[in-house]
Protein backbone atom coordinates (compact mmCIF):
# COMPACT_ATOMS: atom_id res chain seq x y z
CA MET A 1 -39.35 109.23 -106.63
CA SER A 2 -42.54 111.37 -108.04
CA ARG A 3 -45.65 109.51 -109.40
CA CYS A 4 -48.00 111.19 -111.60
CA ALA A 5 -50.71 110.24 -114.21
CA PHE A 6 -50.35 110.24 -117.78
CA ALA A 7 -51.57 113.55 -119.59
CA SER A 8 -50.57 114.21 -116.19
CA LEU A 9 -54.08 114.90 -114.48
CA PRO A 10 -53.54 114.82 -111.06
CA SER A 11 -57.52 114.48 -110.23
CA PRO A 12 -59.39 111.51 -109.53
CA LEU A 13 -61.61 112.07 -112.00
CA TYR A 14 -58.57 111.70 -114.94
CA ARG A 15 -60.48 109.98 -117.98
CA PHE A 16 -58.62 108.98 -121.31
CA LEU A 17 -59.50 112.59 -123.27
CA ARG A 18 -57.82 111.70 -126.73
CA ILE A 19 -60.61 110.44 -128.54
CA SER A 20 -59.33 110.54 -131.82
CA ALA A 21 -57.62 107.88 -134.13
CA ILE A 22 -58.54 104.63 -132.27
CA PHE A 23 -59.36 101.43 -133.38
CA LEU A 24 -62.58 100.30 -133.85
CA PHE A 25 -63.24 96.97 -136.31
CA PHE A 26 -66.47 95.78 -134.54
CA ALA A 27 -68.16 98.51 -136.56
CA GLY A 28 -67.28 96.64 -139.90
CA LEU A 29 -64.13 98.54 -140.03
CA ALA A 30 -65.81 101.50 -141.58
CA LEU A 31 -66.40 103.31 -138.25
CA ALA A 32 -63.66 105.40 -137.65
CA GLN A 33 -64.21 109.15 -136.79
CA VAL A 34 -64.95 110.29 -140.35
CA GLN A 35 -68.25 108.02 -140.42
CA PRO A 36 -69.41 108.48 -136.79
CA GLY A 37 -71.34 105.32 -135.67
CA THR A 38 -71.16 105.87 -131.74
CA PRO A 39 -74.01 103.80 -130.11
CA ASN A 40 -77.21 105.27 -128.22
CA TRP A 41 -75.49 104.67 -124.77
CA SER A 42 -71.79 106.23 -125.93
CA ALA A 43 -70.60 109.22 -123.94
CA ILE A 44 -69.58 110.87 -127.08
CA GLU A 45 -71.76 113.18 -128.90
CA THR A 46 -70.84 113.36 -132.43
CA HIS A 47 -72.22 115.83 -134.96
CA ALA A 48 -71.05 116.32 -138.47
CA VAL A 49 -67.94 118.01 -138.14
CA ASP A 50 -67.15 117.84 -134.13
CA SER A 51 -67.73 115.61 -131.26
CA ILE A 52 -68.07 116.09 -127.40
CA ASN A 53 -66.86 114.02 -124.98
CA LEU A 54 -69.76 114.41 -122.36
CA SER A 55 -67.99 113.47 -119.68
CA ASN A 56 -65.41 116.21 -119.61
CA LEU A 57 -66.29 118.14 -122.25
CA VAL A 58 -63.19 117.94 -124.36
CA VAL A 59 -64.27 118.64 -128.43
CA SER A 60 -62.34 117.20 -131.55
CA LEU A 61 -62.67 117.72 -135.05
CA ASN A 62 -63.98 115.12 -137.70
CA ILE A 63 -63.81 116.52 -141.22
CA PRO A 64 -64.56 114.28 -144.01
CA VAL A 65 -63.18 114.38 -147.22
CA ARG A 66 -63.66 111.25 -149.31
CA SER A 67 -65.11 107.73 -148.76
CA LYS A 68 -64.73 105.03 -150.96
CA ALA A 69 -67.20 101.64 -151.08
CA GLY A 70 -64.61 98.37 -151.09
CA ALA A 71 -64.34 95.02 -149.25
CA ILE A 72 -62.90 97.63 -146.42
CA PRO A 73 -65.09 100.64 -146.72
CA PHE A 74 -62.55 103.59 -147.21
CA ASN A 75 -63.12 107.12 -145.22
CA PHE A 76 -60.34 109.79 -145.22
CA GLY A 77 -60.48 112.81 -143.66
CA PHE A 78 -58.54 115.47 -140.89
CA ILE A 79 -59.31 114.47 -137.37
CA ASN A 80 -58.37 115.60 -133.62
CA GLY A 81 -57.65 118.97 -132.71
CA SER A 82 -58.43 118.23 -129.48
CA SER A 83 -59.21 120.86 -126.79
CA TYR A 84 -58.14 118.95 -123.51
CA VAL A 85 -55.87 120.35 -121.15
CA ALA A 86 -54.11 118.20 -118.94
CA ASN A 87 -51.26 119.63 -116.02
CA ASN A 88 -48.33 117.81 -116.33
CA ALA A 89 -46.22 118.14 -113.33
CA GLY A 90 -47.15 121.73 -112.44
CA ALA A 91 -47.44 122.90 -116.09
CA LEU A 92 -50.39 123.09 -117.85
CA ALA A 93 -50.37 121.49 -121.91
CA ALA A 94 -52.92 122.12 -124.52
CA GLY A 95 -54.16 118.90 -126.32
CA TYR A 96 -53.78 120.51 -129.53
CA SER A 97 -49.84 119.51 -128.94
CA THR A 98 -50.08 116.15 -128.95
CA ASN A 99 -53.36 115.70 -130.88
CA PRO A 100 -53.09 118.59 -133.87
CA LEU A 101 -55.75 118.17 -136.70
CA ALA A 102 -54.30 115.69 -138.84
CA PRO A 103 -54.97 113.74 -142.17
CA ALA A 104 -56.18 109.94 -141.60
CA ALA A 105 -58.23 106.73 -142.98
CA ASN A 106 -60.70 104.98 -141.04
CA GLY A 107 -60.01 107.22 -137.95
CA MET A 108 -56.53 105.88 -137.65
CA LEU A 109 -54.01 105.09 -140.69
CA MET A 110 -52.14 108.48 -140.23
CA THR A 111 -48.39 109.38 -139.02
CA SER A 112 -49.02 108.81 -135.17
CA THR A 113 -51.61 106.22 -134.01
CA THR A 114 -52.29 104.75 -130.36
CA PHE A 115 -54.84 102.22 -129.84
CA ALA A 116 -53.97 101.90 -126.08
CA THR A 117 -52.55 103.79 -123.08
CA TYR A 118 -51.50 103.83 -119.58
CA GLY A 119 -53.02 104.89 -116.39
CA TYR A 120 -49.21 105.95 -114.71
CA LEU A 121 -46.21 107.11 -115.82
CA LEU A 122 -42.90 107.06 -113.60
CA ARG A 123 -39.58 108.12 -114.27
CA VAL A 124 -37.40 105.51 -112.64
CA PRO A 125 -33.48 104.47 -112.36
CA ALA A 126 -32.12 102.06 -115.20
CA THR A 127 -31.67 99.53 -112.61
CA ASP A 128 -35.13 98.62 -112.29
CA CYS A 129 -35.53 97.16 -116.03
CA GLY A 130 -31.85 95.41 -115.69
CA GLY A 131 -30.13 98.99 -117.34
CA SER A 132 -27.00 100.03 -115.96
CA THR A 133 -26.73 103.76 -115.51
CA GLY A 134 -29.31 106.32 -116.00
CA TYR A 135 -33.33 106.57 -115.83
CA ALA A 136 -36.19 105.28 -117.93
CA TYR A 137 -39.84 105.59 -117.86
CA LYS A 138 -41.75 102.93 -116.81
CA THR A 139 -45.57 102.79 -117.68
CA GLU A 140 -48.44 100.50 -115.83
CA ASP A 141 -52.28 100.34 -115.70
CA TRP A 142 -52.69 99.96 -119.62
CA TYR A 143 -56.09 99.64 -121.31
CA VAL A 144 -57.26 100.15 -124.95
CA ALA A 145 -59.64 102.78 -126.21
CA PHE A 146 -61.56 102.79 -128.85
CA ALA A 147 -63.62 105.51 -130.85
CA ASP A 148 -67.13 105.31 -129.28
CA GLY A 149 -65.40 106.10 -125.80
CA THR A 150 -65.50 102.41 -124.09
CA GLN A 151 -62.27 101.20 -122.49
CA HIS A 152 -61.02 97.73 -121.86
CA PRO A 153 -58.31 96.76 -119.29
CA LEU A 154 -55.14 94.84 -120.09
CA PRO A 155 -53.62 93.07 -116.96
CA ALA A 156 -52.51 95.26 -114.09
CA THR A 157 -49.44 93.02 -114.18
CA ASP A 158 -48.67 94.56 -117.54
CA ILE A 159 -45.89 96.79 -117.02
CA LEU A 160 -43.59 98.80 -119.69
CA TYR A 161 -40.38 100.22 -119.33
CA TRP A 162 -39.05 102.67 -122.42
CA ASP A 163 -36.26 105.29 -122.82
CA ASN A 164 -32.28 104.74 -123.76
CA ALA A 165 -30.96 103.11 -120.15
CA GLY A 166 -30.87 99.73 -121.77
CA CYS A 167 -33.73 98.24 -120.01
CA THR A 168 -32.99 94.11 -120.32
CA PHE A 169 -36.86 93.08 -119.10
CA ASP A 170 -40.67 94.55 -119.19
CA THR A 171 -40.04 96.22 -122.76
CA THR A 172 -42.95 94.35 -124.45
CA ILE A 173 -46.46 93.94 -123.68
CA THR A 174 -48.29 91.09 -125.44
CA ASP A 175 -51.27 90.39 -123.70
CA THR A 176 -55.69 90.39 -123.86
CA THR A 177 -57.86 92.35 -122.36
CA THR A 178 -59.31 91.16 -119.09
CA ASP A 179 -63.23 92.03 -119.38
CA GLY A 180 -64.28 89.67 -121.70
CA SER A 181 -63.83 91.60 -124.84
CA GLY A 182 -61.18 89.28 -126.35
CA ILE A 183 -58.82 91.99 -127.80
CA ASN A 184 -54.86 90.99 -128.27
CA VAL A 185 -52.05 93.94 -128.52
CA LYS A 186 -48.65 94.10 -128.60
CA ILE A 187 -46.97 97.21 -127.44
CA THR A 188 -43.37 97.78 -127.58
CA GLY A 189 -40.90 100.23 -125.30
CA THR A 190 -38.14 101.46 -127.61
CA ALA A 191 -34.81 103.93 -126.88
CA THR A 192 -37.30 106.63 -127.84
CA GLY A 193 -40.60 105.79 -127.30
CA ILE A 194 -43.63 103.18 -127.80
CA THR A 195 -44.50 101.31 -130.56
CA TYR A 196 -47.77 100.11 -130.93
CA ASN A 197 -46.95 97.09 -132.88
CA TYR A 198 -50.78 95.41 -133.46
CA ILE A 199 -53.98 95.23 -132.28
CA TYR A 200 -56.58 92.12 -133.16
CA ASP A 201 -60.18 91.77 -132.44
CA PRO A 202 -62.03 88.67 -131.37
CA MET A 203 -62.67 87.97 -134.73
CA GLY A 204 -58.92 88.02 -136.30
CA ASN A 205 -59.32 92.05 -137.65
CA SER A 206 -56.28 93.65 -137.27
CA TYR A 207 -54.46 97.05 -137.26
CA ALA A 208 -50.52 96.67 -137.55
CA ASN A 209 -47.42 98.64 -137.71
CA THR A 210 -45.73 97.20 -140.94
CA GLY A 211 -42.36 98.44 -140.50
CA GLY A 212 -41.27 102.06 -140.11
CA SER A 213 -43.89 104.68 -140.25
CA SER A 214 -46.52 102.28 -142.42
CA VAL A 215 -49.55 100.87 -140.71
CA LYS A 216 -52.33 98.84 -142.06
CA LEU A 217 -55.64 97.80 -141.34
CA LYS A 218 -56.57 94.21 -142.00
CA ASP A 219 -59.79 91.89 -141.92
CA VAL A 220 -59.93 88.17 -141.54
CA PHE A 221 -60.73 87.74 -145.13
CA GLY A 222 -56.75 89.19 -145.86
CA ASN A 223 -58.62 92.68 -147.57
CA SER A 224 -56.84 95.49 -146.03
CA ILE A 225 -56.01 99.34 -146.53
CA THR A 226 -52.59 101.16 -145.77
CA TYR A 227 -50.75 104.06 -145.22
CA ASP A 228 -47.33 103.91 -146.20
CA GLY A 229 -46.07 106.61 -143.59
CA VAL A 230 -45.15 109.25 -145.96
CA SER A 231 -48.02 110.41 -148.64
CA LYS A 232 -50.01 107.66 -149.81
CA TRP A 233 -52.95 105.66 -148.66
CA THR A 234 -53.79 102.38 -150.82
CA ASP A 235 -56.65 99.77 -150.75
CA THR A 236 -56.21 96.12 -150.93
CA LEU A 237 -55.42 95.83 -154.21
CA GLY A 238 -52.54 98.21 -153.62
CA GLU A 239 -54.17 101.12 -156.14
CA PRO A 240 -53.95 104.57 -154.37
CA VAL A 241 -57.15 106.09 -152.65
CA ILE A 242 -55.60 109.45 -151.36
CA THR A 243 -52.09 110.74 -151.89
CA GLU A 244 -50.25 113.76 -151.02
CA PRO A 245 -47.97 115.10 -154.08
CA THR A 246 -47.13 118.20 -151.67
CA ALA A 247 -47.29 118.70 -148.02
CA GLY A 248 -51.22 120.09 -147.20
CA THR A 249 -52.50 118.84 -150.64
CA PHE A 250 -54.37 115.73 -150.65
CA GLN A 251 -55.72 114.15 -154.05
CA TRP A 252 -57.24 111.07 -155.94
CA THR A 253 -58.22 110.17 -158.92
CA ASN A 254 -62.20 110.27 -159.66
CA VAL A 255 -64.21 107.95 -162.20
CA ALA A 256 -64.17 110.79 -164.99
CA GLY A 257 -60.22 110.59 -164.55
CA GLY A 258 -60.22 114.38 -162.89
CA THR A 259 -57.82 114.55 -160.09
CA PRO A 260 -59.95 116.53 -157.01
CA ASN A 261 -58.12 117.75 -154.21
CA VAL A 262 -58.03 119.64 -150.53
CA ALA A 263 -55.30 121.78 -149.37
CA VAL A 264 -55.07 123.08 -145.96
CA THR A 265 -54.04 126.20 -145.54
CA ASN A 266 -52.36 127.06 -141.87
CA THR A 267 -51.93 130.33 -140.23
CA SER A 268 -48.87 130.49 -137.20
CA TYR A 269 -50.01 131.21 -133.67
CA THR A 270 -48.41 131.30 -130.18
CA LEU A 271 -50.33 128.36 -128.42
CA GLN A 272 -51.27 130.46 -125.06
CA SER A 273 -53.48 129.54 -122.14
CA ASN A 274 -54.16 132.49 -119.36
CA PHE A 275 -56.60 130.06 -117.39
CA GLY A 276 -54.44 131.69 -113.93
CA CYS A 277 -54.87 128.40 -111.89
CA SER A 278 -52.10 128.55 -108.71
CA SER A 279 -52.10 124.56 -109.16
CA ALA A 280 -49.99 124.90 -112.62
CA THR A 281 -48.41 127.41 -114.81
CA ASP A 282 -49.76 128.48 -117.78
CA TYR A 283 -49.00 127.24 -121.32
CA SER A 284 -46.57 129.01 -124.09
CA THR A 285 -45.61 127.61 -126.80
CA PRO A 286 -44.26 130.17 -130.07
CA SER A 287 -44.98 129.41 -133.90
CA GLN A 288 -47.30 127.00 -133.58
CA GLU A 289 -48.98 126.08 -137.60
CA PHE A 290 -53.01 125.89 -136.88
CA PRO A 291 -54.80 124.77 -140.37
CA THR A 292 -57.75 128.05 -140.65
CA GLN A 293 -58.87 126.35 -144.20
CA ILE A 294 -59.55 123.49 -146.12
CA SER A 295 -60.22 124.00 -149.81
CA PHE A 296 -62.04 121.79 -151.87
CA SER A 297 -61.32 121.52 -155.43
CA PRO A 298 -63.37 121.82 -158.10
CA ASP A 299 -66.33 122.75 -156.11
CA SER A 300 -64.14 125.69 -155.01
CA THR A 301 -65.66 124.75 -151.27
CA ASP A 302 -63.79 125.47 -147.95
CA VAL A 303 -64.09 124.66 -144.42
CA LYS A 304 -62.96 127.36 -142.38
CA LEU A 305 -61.48 126.65 -138.78
CA ALA A 306 -61.23 129.84 -136.12
CA TRP A 307 -59.31 129.09 -132.70
CA GLU A 308 -60.20 130.46 -129.74
CA GLN A 309 -58.15 133.85 -128.97
CA THR A 310 -56.19 133.73 -125.42
CA ASN A 311 -58.50 135.70 -123.26
CA GLY A 312 -55.72 139.19 -122.74
CA TYR A 313 -54.02 138.58 -125.55
CA GLY A 314 -53.71 139.51 -128.87
CA THR A 315 -54.87 137.79 -131.92
CA THR A 316 -51.97 135.81 -132.93
CA TYR A 317 -52.41 133.94 -129.34
CA THR A 318 -54.50 130.97 -129.12
CA THR A 319 -55.69 128.37 -126.42
CA GLY A 320 -55.92 125.65 -128.97
CA ARG A 321 -59.31 125.05 -128.58
CA ILE A 322 -61.49 125.59 -131.60
CA GLN A 323 -64.10 128.72 -131.67
CA LYS A 324 -65.81 128.70 -134.38
CA ILE A 325 -66.43 126.23 -137.85
CA THR A 326 -67.61 127.56 -141.17
CA LEU A 327 -68.98 124.77 -143.15
CA ARG A 328 -68.65 123.94 -146.91
CA THR A 329 -72.56 124.91 -146.87
CA GLY A 330 -71.62 128.15 -145.06
CA GLY A 331 -72.95 126.82 -142.18
CA THR A 332 -71.62 127.48 -139.11
CA VAL A 333 -70.85 125.89 -135.46
CA THR A 334 -69.49 128.43 -132.92
CA TYR A 335 -68.26 127.18 -129.21
CA ASN A 336 -68.47 129.22 -126.33
CA TRP A 337 -65.64 128.08 -123.27
CA ASN A 338 -66.82 130.23 -120.83
CA PRO A 339 -70.33 130.99 -121.61
CA ASN A 340 -71.41 132.47 -118.09
CA GLY A 341 -67.95 134.46 -118.05
CA THR A 342 -66.51 132.93 -114.82
CA GLY A 343 -62.98 132.96 -113.41
CA ASN A 344 -59.96 130.93 -114.75
CA ASP A 345 -61.47 131.48 -117.76
CA GLY A 346 -63.90 128.70 -117.35
CA LEU A 347 -61.34 126.04 -116.94
CA ASN A 348 -62.02 123.77 -113.50
CA CYS A 349 -58.31 123.99 -112.11
CA SER A 350 -59.09 120.97 -110.62
CA GLU A 351 -60.24 118.79 -113.01
CA TYR A 352 -58.70 120.98 -115.97
CA ALA A 353 -61.49 120.42 -117.58
CA PRO A 354 -64.61 123.35 -118.60
CA ASN A 355 -67.35 123.76 -116.32
CA GLU A 356 -69.65 124.32 -118.84
CA ILE A 357 -69.54 125.07 -122.42
CA SER A 358 -72.09 126.10 -125.56
CA ARG A 359 -72.49 125.19 -128.81
CA THR A 360 -74.33 127.35 -131.35
CA THR A 361 -75.79 126.62 -134.66
CA THR A 362 -78.54 128.00 -137.02
CA ASP A 363 -80.98 126.05 -134.76
CA GLY A 364 -80.01 127.40 -131.45
CA THR A 365 -77.75 127.22 -128.68
CA THR A 366 -76.99 124.16 -126.54
CA THR A 367 -75.74 124.38 -123.44
CA TYR A 368 -73.55 121.75 -121.72
CA SER A 369 -72.57 121.93 -118.06
CA VAL A 370 -70.55 119.19 -115.47
CA SER A 371 -71.13 119.05 -111.75
CA TRP A 372 -68.28 117.46 -110.23
CA LEU A 373 -67.76 114.95 -107.38
CA PRO A 374 -71.87 115.15 -106.72
CA SER A 375 -71.60 112.49 -104.26
CA GLY A 376 -69.45 115.18 -101.56
CA GLY A 377 -65.68 113.94 -102.63
CA SER A 378 -65.60 110.30 -103.57
CA CYS A 379 -65.78 108.89 -106.80
CA SER A 380 -66.36 105.11 -107.17
CA SER A 381 -68.44 102.39 -108.86
CA THR A 382 -71.09 103.26 -106.72
CA ALA A 383 -70.60 106.72 -105.78
CA LEU A 384 -71.25 108.92 -108.52
CA CYS A 385 -67.83 110.96 -110.00
CA SER A 386 -69.83 113.69 -112.31
CA THR A 387 -72.82 114.35 -113.91
CA THR A 388 -73.26 116.33 -117.57
CA THR A 389 -76.52 118.15 -118.14
CA GLU A 390 -77.21 118.84 -121.46
CA VAL A 391 -80.21 121.65 -122.61
CA ASP A 392 -81.13 121.73 -126.35
CA PRO A 393 -82.10 124.98 -128.25
CA GLY A 394 -85.84 123.63 -127.48
CA GLY A 395 -85.19 123.61 -123.37
CA ASN A 396 -85.06 120.24 -123.54
CA LYS A 397 -82.47 118.32 -120.53
CA THR A 398 -80.65 115.54 -120.72
CA VAL A 399 -78.74 114.18 -117.65
CA TYR A 400 -75.48 111.70 -118.01
CA TYR A 401 -74.28 110.29 -114.75
CA PHE A 402 -70.83 108.90 -114.48
CA SER A 403 -69.25 106.51 -112.36
CA ALA A 404 -66.06 104.81 -111.83
CA GLY A 405 -65.34 102.16 -114.47
CA TRP A 406 -63.11 99.48 -114.11
CA GLY A 407 -60.12 101.15 -112.68
CA ALA A 408 -62.20 102.26 -109.20
CA ALA A 409 -58.50 103.21 -107.78
CA TYR A 410 -56.68 106.15 -109.36
CA PRO A 411 -56.89 107.19 -111.82
CA VAL A 412 -60.17 106.68 -112.32
CA THR A 413 -62.06 105.63 -115.89
CA LEU A 414 -65.04 106.91 -116.00
CA ALA A 415 -68.24 104.71 -117.12
CA LEU A 416 -71.75 106.03 -118.22
CA THR A 417 -73.87 104.09 -115.95
CA ARG A 418 -77.58 106.52 -116.28
CA VAL A 419 -79.15 108.69 -118.85
CA GLU A 420 -82.16 110.86 -117.57
CA LYS A 421 -84.01 113.17 -120.60
CA TYR A 422 -86.50 116.06 -119.27
CA LYS A 423 -88.73 117.10 -121.77
CA ASN A 424 -89.64 121.02 -122.01
CA THR A 425 -93.31 121.34 -121.71
CA GLY A 426 -92.76 124.59 -121.24
CA THR A 427 -91.03 127.49 -123.19
CA PRO A 428 -87.41 127.60 -124.03
CA GLY A 429 -87.10 130.86 -121.59
CA SER A 430 -89.39 129.18 -119.20
CA PRO A 431 -89.06 125.56 -119.15
CA THR A 432 -90.95 123.04 -117.44
CA TYR A 433 -90.13 119.19 -116.95
CA CYS A 434 -93.00 117.47 -116.26
CA GLU A 435 -91.69 114.52 -118.30
CA ARG A 436 -88.67 112.52 -117.70
CA TYR A 437 -87.54 109.38 -119.39
CA LEU A 438 -85.06 107.20 -117.82
CA ASN A 439 -82.80 105.07 -119.90
CA HIS A 440 -85.70 105.91 -122.92
CA ILE A 441 -88.54 104.70 -120.39
CA LEU A 442 -91.02 107.48 -119.55
CA SER A 443 -91.15 107.97 -116.01
CA ALA A 444 -94.40 109.31 -113.59
CA SER A 445 -95.25 113.23 -114.19
CA ALA A 446 -94.94 113.46 -110.54
CA ASP A 447 -91.68 115.23 -111.16
CA CYS A 448 -93.40 117.96 -112.50
CA GLY A 449 -92.25 120.85 -110.63
CA LYS A 450 -90.39 119.22 -108.33
CA LEU A 451 -87.26 119.29 -111.17
CA GLY A 452 -87.18 122.85 -111.74
CA ALA A 453 -85.09 124.35 -114.50
């Protein structure tokens, strides 16, 4: 029997990569990813239409479409399009396969939503869960994950079996997080997969599956917004806020009685990698639909999306990672996933994450680079797991330090434990760092000259 980590990252630095569609009531039900509001010390750097997980350089998209005031503010847009790469038992897998760009209200009312995930996945004999023949999947080390990157563990004793093997016990988790956050969840294993039934915060706000594919966000006063799982998002009065009359076209009624809409244009690509890691084979999936244009009517503006062309392949092949976003205003955001032209197309074949990326806008280029296991091969709550260095167009530098969080055993969940900011007193081309801000407090200038570029 083999034991592997979910998303199949066999690295001790595995952490939650799917920062999409995650439940967060603590920002007044309005956060989602369409109205970003991550705290100052979050490991997620949020921009207008994209965000970067600073612990692993995973990029996700967040394209706003419509907002509406109400008892629960309604925010609709397109989210996910995750760039992560996973090792699935010796075969690489693209994050876009499981987290494509998708329509959602408040960051989670969508066709498929998860508010929790597991650290371990095992394939075991059905007799382990009371079944008679065949096999089942056993999951453990469950935790709740929020849009700001925070994670809240469920009891280590929580085990969930699923598959069609006739399991008779441990097919439901109904429990409360163990870190004092007071979050209550129910998750059910079924013959075909996992159902995320509900999640409550300590105030009584909830997200719940209401039958079939229908899902609902509800606050403690009974106000709610709902997605019917097919084509309609409604407010607490049952009035439609967004509908999808035809596949890929989303419309609503404005105060003047008009019907603005957005339409998604898809292009077929082969989802193909060419990282050449000896530890895992590259992925190759033909005929995958990728959104390349989101058109807004009646103002005739567009958001255009270009996906990274696979190194060594033709224009109809993509790694599934975003390369360029053209905004409705005409501005652009461009990602380079291997700015230094290193081997394996810039992917670290131990961590299955980029060693460095760059993000370019009209303001200039910002670089992000990761140093893995700077403590010399160990990773714990006292030994650094990784550092990420961000250098902005002005040459100013910020260093983020990550240590093991609540799960010091494999797989490790990273916690942001320290932030250092260095002000460039030289030029962008020849930076000098004479001022250091540790957790927003100015340090003595004795660091000048010692820190280097």
